[in-house]
């Protein structure tokens, strides 16, 4: 099996603690359902920087990358199916 990264961009924060807990419950269920296909279930990226040879600046774009997960799949198509099943879409 090959490894694939699912990158999370943009998105909205939950409007309440209850909504956040419900989202997290769905996400945990999704990860558990993937079983051994999960290499890294998710790494949030709360802050990011844009680094060039001349400068470093905050990436304050609301659609900046916010996190990633890594999964194993037989093909790109299979990895896309996994990504499409993610409850955070």
Protein backbone atom coordinates (compact mmCIF):
# COMPACT_ATOMS: atom_id res chain seq x y z
CA UNK A 1 0.00 0.00 0.00
CA UNK A 2 1.07 3.55 -0.69
CA UNK A 3 0.96 6.50 1.72
CA UNK A 4 -1.21 9.55 0.99
CA UNK A 5 -1.59 12.86 2.80
CA UNK A 6 -5.01 14.41 3.30
CA UNK A 7 -4.51 18.17 3.64
CA UNK A 8 -7.10 20.30 5.43
CA UNK A 9 -7.58 23.88 4.22
CA UNK A 10 -9.78 26.67 5.58
CA UNK A 11 -12.85 25.67 7.55
CA UNK A 12 -14.78 27.11 10.44
CA UNK A 13 -14.38 26.64 14.17
CA UNK A 14 -17.30 25.04 16.02
CA UNK A 15 -19.78 27.60 17.32
CA UNK A 16 -19.96 25.95 20.75
CA UNK A 17 -18.14 23.45 22.92
CA UNK A 18 -20.97 20.97 22.36
CA UNK A 19 -20.67 21.28 18.58
CA UNK A 20 -16.91 20.79 18.85
CA UNK A 21 -17.35 17.67 20.96
CA UNK A 22 -19.89 16.27 18.48
CA UNK A 23 -17.51 16.90 15.57
CA UNK A 24 -14.65 15.27 17.46
CA UNK A 25 -16.83 12.23 18.18
CA UNK A 26 -17.61 11.81 14.48
CA UNK A 27 -13.94 12.21 13.62
CA UNK A 28 -12.85 9.60 16.21
CA UNK A 29 -15.43 7.17 14.83
CA UNK A 30 -14.13 7.78 11.30
CA UNK A 31 -10.49 7.18 12.36
CA UNK A 32 -11.40 4.00 14.23
CA UNK A 33 -13.32 2.76 11.17
CA UNK A 34 -10.24 3.18 8.99
CA UNK A 35 -8.25 0.83 11.22
CA UNK A 36 -4.75 0.05 9.93
CA UNK A 37 -5.18 2.42 6.98
CA UNK A 38 -4.36 5.29 9.36
CA UNK A 39 -0.70 6.24 9.69
CA UNK A 40 -1.27 9.69 11.24
CA UNK A 41 -4.90 10.38 12.18
CA UNK A 42 -4.47 14.13 12.11
CA UNK A 43 -2.07 16.91 12.93
CA UNK A 44 -3.54 20.39 13.35
CA UNK A 45 -1.48 23.35 12.17
CA UNK A 46 -2.73 26.31 14.20
CA UNK A 47 -0.05 28.72 12.92
CA UNK A 48 1.82 28.75 9.66
CA UNK A 49 4.45 30.94 8.06
CA UNK A 50 5.38 31.66 4.47
CA UNK A 51 9.15 31.33 4.17
CA UNK A 52 11.12 32.55 1.17
CA UNK A 53 14.83 33.18 0.69
CA UNK A 54 14.18 36.86 1.52
CA UNK A 55 11.46 36.89 4.15
CA UNK A 56 9.23 35.14 6.64
CA UNK A 57 5.65 36.26 7.16
CA UNK A 58 2.53 34.97 8.87
CA UNK A 59 0.17 33.06 6.60
CA UNK A 60 -3.07 34.79 7.56
CA UNK A 61 -5.04 33.54 4.55
CA UNK A 62 -8.32 32.07 5.88
CA UNK A 63 -7.89 29.21 3.38
CA UNK A 64 -4.37 28.34 4.53
CA UNK A 65 -3.55 24.74 5.31
CA UNK A 66 -4.93 23.97 8.79
CA UNK A 67 -3.81 20.38 9.24
CA UNK A 68 -3.16 17.01 7.67
CA UNK A 69 -3.63 13.28 8.06
CA UNK A 70 -1.70 10.39 6.47
CA UNK A 71 -3.37 7.18 5.31
CA UNK A 72 -2.43 3.99 3.46
CA UNK A 73 -4.37 3.04 0.35
CA UNK A 74 -3.99 0.79 -2.70
CA UNK A 75 -4.28 3.72 -5.14
CA UNK A 76 -4.97 7.43 -5.47
CA UNK A 77 -8.61 6.59 -6.15
CA UNK A 78 -8.83 4.61 -2.91
CA UNK A 79 -7.17 7.48 -1.01
CA UNK A 80 -9.70 9.93 -2.50
CA UNK A 81 -12.52 7.67 -1.28
CA UNK A 82 -11.04 7.75 2.22
CA UNK A 83 -10.74 11.54 2.10
CA UNK A 84 -14.32 11.91 0.84
CA UNK A 85 -15.56 9.91 3.84
CA UNK A 86 -13.94 12.35 6.29
CA UNK A 87 -16.65 13.93 8.48
CA UNK A 88 -14.88 17.31 8.44
CA UNK A 89 -15.61 17.83 4.73
